[in-house]
Amino acid sequence: MVMTLPEWFYPGPAGGWTADMLDHLPADAPRHVELIDGSLIMMSPQTAFHMYAVRLFEKHLNPPGDLAVVREMTVTLGLRQRPEPDVLLVRRSAIGDETTSYKPEDVHLVVEVASAESLERDRTTKPIKYSNAGIKHFWRVEKEHGLPVVYTFELEPTVKAYVPTGIHRKRLQTDIGFAVDIDLQMEWPPRSDQ
């Protein structure tokens, strides 16, 4: 199958795409697009695992009142960097009616639910970009035996690099400035009362 790209996509603007251009893509652009190193990345169709994992963190992260859980919003890390994490914890004061992207200083945690097509970006590219931007916490979620396994990281500020803080199976218990305790043993698909 050959996919034809829309006329606006190729060859793209002279000098490459910039973060501010994402807010002005044509109406026929895909709903979820992120910018990595000046290149537009189109998101693949979501799997059921991905959707339920995102929903799990969206529902069960219970941050203090100054933070809020948001999903599938971009973070502007620089002129040519605007990734779209699956789940974020952001300062409540940074949320406005017209907000389309967050600044790294307003982001407390990013969660990436890895898929086959995003695994390399989620394991290597994005953590480096998030840590360079100073985002304090990063979690990567992968599927193992049908259940989520969560790799947690915290920023070591003097070197601006993430250090691992745990690999969580069955239950995610950690502290990221507040206690987190999430049962990872979800039923697939989860019951509506979960």
Protein backbone atom coordinates (compact mmCIF):
# COMPACT_ATOMS: atom_id res chain seq x y z
CA MET A 1 0.00 0.00 0.00
CA VAL A 2 1.36 3.40 -0.96
CA MET A 3 0.41 6.35 1.17
CA THR A 4 0.23 9.72 -0.51
CA LEU A 5 1.32 12.58 1.68
CA PRO A 6 -0.65 15.81 1.50
CA GLU A 7 0.86 18.65 -0.51
CA TRP A 8 1.60 20.78 2.58
CA PHE A 9 3.66 17.99 4.16
CA TYR A 10 6.30 17.53 1.49
CA PRO A 11 8.86 18.94 1.14
CA GLY A 12 7.90 21.01 4.19
CA PRO A 13 8.99 24.53 5.01
CA ALA A 14 12.47 25.76 4.12
CA GLY A 15 14.72 25.17 7.12
CA GLY A 16 12.41 22.51 8.58
CA TRP A 17 9.46 22.57 10.89
CA THR A 18 9.45 24.60 14.11
CA ALA A 19 7.49 24.15 17.33
CA ASP A 20 5.17 27.10 16.69
CA MET A 21 4.15 25.69 13.29
CA LEU A 22 2.31 22.79 14.94
CA ASP A 23 -0.43 25.19 16.01
CA HIS A 24 -0.99 26.16 12.37
CA LEU A 25 -1.09 22.85 10.54
CA PRO A 26 -3.90 22.49 7.98
CA ALA A 27 -7.24 21.04 9.00
CA ASP A 28 -6.45 17.76 7.21
CA ALA A 29 -3.35 17.16 9.38
CA PRO A 30 -3.42 14.14 11.69
CA ARG A 31 -4.79 14.86 15.15
CA HIS A 32 -1.62 13.79 16.97
CA VAL A 33 1.64 15.05 15.52
CA GLU A 34 4.87 15.67 17.37
CA LEU A 35 8.05 17.43 16.36
CA ILE A 36 11.41 15.73 16.97
CA ASP A 37 14.57 17.38 15.64
CA GLY A 38 12.54 19.48 13.20
CA SER A 39 10.75 16.46 11.72
CA LEU A 40 7.04 15.82 12.02
CA ILE A 41 6.23 12.44 13.54
CA MET A 42 2.75 11.12 12.78
CA MET A 43 1.35 8.92 15.53
CA SER A 44 0.36 5.38 14.60
CA PRO A 45 -3.14 4.17 15.44
CA GLN A 46 -3.44 3.44 19.15
CA THR A 47 -3.64 -0.13 20.43
CA ALA A 48 -6.08 -1.18 23.16
CA PHE A 49 -3.11 -1.72 25.53
CA HIS A 50 -1.91 1.81 24.89
CA MET A 51 -5.35 3.32 25.47
CA TYR A 52 -5.97 1.40 28.69
CA ALA A 53 -2.46 2.14 30.04
CA VAL A 54 -2.93 5.86 29.41
CA ARG A 55 -6.34 5.70 31.07
CA LEU A 56 -4.86 3.89 34.09
CA PHE A 57 -2.36 6.67 34.79
CA GLU A 58 -4.85 9.40 33.97
CA LYS A 59 -7.33 7.98 36.49
CA HIS A 60 -4.99 6.82 39.28
CA LEU A 61 -2.31 9.48 39.51
CA ASN A 62 -3.55 11.61 42.39
CA PRO A 63 -1.30 14.67 42.50
CA PRO A 64 -1.54 17.47 45.03
CA GLY A 65 -3.79 20.43 44.16
CA ASP A 66 -1.10 22.50 42.46
CA LEU A 67 -0.57 19.77 39.80
CA ALA A 68 -2.97 18.33 37.23
CA VAL A 69 -2.97 15.22 35.04
CA VAL A 70 -3.25 15.93 31.32
CA ARG A 71 -2.94 13.59 28.37
CA GLU A 72 -1.69 13.80 24.82
CA MET A 73 -0.52 17.42 24.95
CA THR A 74 2.81 18.62 23.65
CA VAL A 75 5.76 20.08 25.54
CA THR A 76 7.79 22.73 23.72
CA LEU A 77 11.40 21.86 24.51
CA GLY A 78 13.01 24.13 21.93
CA LEU A 79 12.71 25.61 18.47
CA ARG A 80 12.58 22.18 16.74
CA GLN A 81 11.41 19.98 19.63
CA ARG A 82 7.77 19.52 20.58
CA PRO A 83 7.09 15.93 21.64
CA GLU A 84 3.68 14.73 22.77
CA PRO A 85 3.91 12.53 25.88
CA ASP A 86 0.98 10.23 26.59
CA VAL A 87 0.42 11.53 30.13
CA LEU A 88 1.84 14.57 31.90
CA LEU A 89 1.68 16.11 35.33
CA VAL A 90 1.75 19.87 34.90
CA ARG A 91 1.38 22.90 37.12
CA ARG A 92 -2.29 23.71 37.33
CA SER A 93 -1.41 27.41 36.87
CA ALA A 94 -0.02 26.59 33.36
CA ILE A 95 -3.38 25.32 32.09
CA GLY A 96 -5.39 27.82 30.11
CA ASP A 97 -8.34 27.57 27.76
CA GLU A 98 -6.12 28.12 24.72
CA THR A 99 -3.11 26.07 25.88
CA THR A 100 -1.75 23.81 23.13
CA SER A 101 1.69 23.09 24.59
CA TYR A 102 3.46 23.31 27.95
CA LYS A 103 6.86 24.71 28.89
CA PRO A 104 9.27 22.21 30.46
CA GLU A 105 9.41 24.22 33.69
CA ASP A 106 5.68 23.61 34.11
CA VAL A 107 6.01 19.82 33.70
CA HIS A 108 6.64 17.63 36.76
CA LEU A 109 6.33 14.19 35.08
CA VAL A 110 6.10 12.77 31.57
CA VAL A 111 4.82 9.27 30.88
CA GLU A 112 5.45 7.57 27.55
CA VAL A 113 3.55 4.37 26.77
CA ALA A 114 5.80 2.61 24.28
CA SER A 115 4.51 0.96 21.14
CA ALA A 116 6.37 -0.98 18.48
CA GLU A 117 6.84 2.09 16.29
CA SER A 118 7.80 4.45 19.14
CA LEU A 119 10.00 2.14 21.23
CA GLU A 120 13.34 3.56 20.06
CA ARG A 121 12.19 7.18 20.53
CA ASP A 122 10.69 6.36 23.96
CA ARG A 123 13.81 4.53 25.16
CA THR A 124 16.54 6.81 23.83
CA THR A 125 15.57 10.01 22.03
CA LYS A 126 12.84 11.42 24.26
CA PRO A 127 14.46 10.79 27.66
CA ILE A 128 17.53 12.74 26.56
CA LYS A 129 15.40 15.63 25.34
CA TYR A 130 13.23 15.66 28.48
CA SER A 131 16.24 15.52 30.82
CA ASN A 132 18.09 18.25 28.89
CA ALA A 133 14.99 20.41 29.33
CA GLY A 134 15.04 19.81 33.11
CA ILE A 135 11.83 17.78 33.50
CA LYS A 136 12.22 16.10 36.89
CA HIS A 137 10.47 12.74 36.38
CA PHE A 138 10.14 10.40 33.39
CA TRP A 139 8.29 7.07 33.22
CA ARG A 140 8.35 4.64 30.32
CA VAL A 141 5.61 2.03 30.15
CA GLU A 142 6.06 -1.16 28.16
CA LYS A 143 3.93 -4.26 27.76
CA GLU A 144 5.22 -7.46 29.35
CA HIS A 145 3.06 -10.61 29.38
CA GLY A 146 0.03 -8.46 28.60
CA LEU A 147 0.53 -6.11 31.56
CA PRO A 148 2.29 -2.78 31.95
CA VAL A 149 5.80 -2.66 33.37
CA VAL A 150 6.87 0.85 34.39
CA TYR A 151 10.46 2.05 34.25
CA THR A 152 10.81 5.13 36.47
CA PHE A 153 13.53 7.76 36.29
CA GLU A 154 14.43 10.95 38.15
CA LEU A 155 16.56 13.83 36.94
CA GLU A 156 20.04 14.13 38.42
CA PRO A 157 20.27 17.91 38.10
CA THR A 158 24.03 18.43 38.04
CA VAL A 159 24.46 16.34 34.90
CA LYS A 160 20.91 16.83 33.53
CA ALA A 161 20.48 13.09 33.05
CA TYR A 162 17.91 10.61 34.27
CA VAL A 163 18.87 7.95 36.77
CA PRO A 164 16.68 4.86 37.15
CA THR A 165 14.60 4.71 40.32
CA GLY A 166 12.83 1.42 39.68
CA ILE A 167 11.23 -1.19 37.48
CA HIS A 168 7.66 -1.77 38.59
CA ARG A 169 5.59 -4.85 37.85
CA LYS A 170 2.17 -5.57 39.36
CA ARG A 171 2.26 -2.42 41.50
CA LEU A 172 3.82 1.03 41.04
CA GLN A 173 4.84 2.43 44.41
CA THR A 174 7.13 5.45 44.39
CA ASP A 175 7.43 9.03 45.53
CA ILE A 176 7.70 11.91 43.09
CA GLY A 177 7.11 14.70 45.59
CA PHE A 178 3.91 12.87 46.59
CA ALA A 179 3.18 9.20 47.12
CA VAL A 180 2.15 7.12 44.10
CA ASP A 181 0.54 3.70 44.52
CA ILE A 182 -1.06 2.21 41.40
CA ASP A 183 -2.13 -1.40 40.85
CA LEU A 184 -0.72 -2.39 37.44
CA GLN A 185 -2.50 -5.75 37.24
CA MET A 186 -5.31 -4.55 35.04
CA GLU A 187 -7.88 -6.78 33.43
CA TRP A 188 -7.97 -6.51 29.66
CA PRO A 189 -10.17 -4.83 28.90
CA PRO A 190 -10.72 -3.27 32.32
CA ARG A 191 -14.19 -3.39 33.78
CA SER A 192 -16.08 -0.11 33.66
CA ASP A 193 -15.94 0.18 37.48
CA GLN A 194 -12.10 0.35 37.49
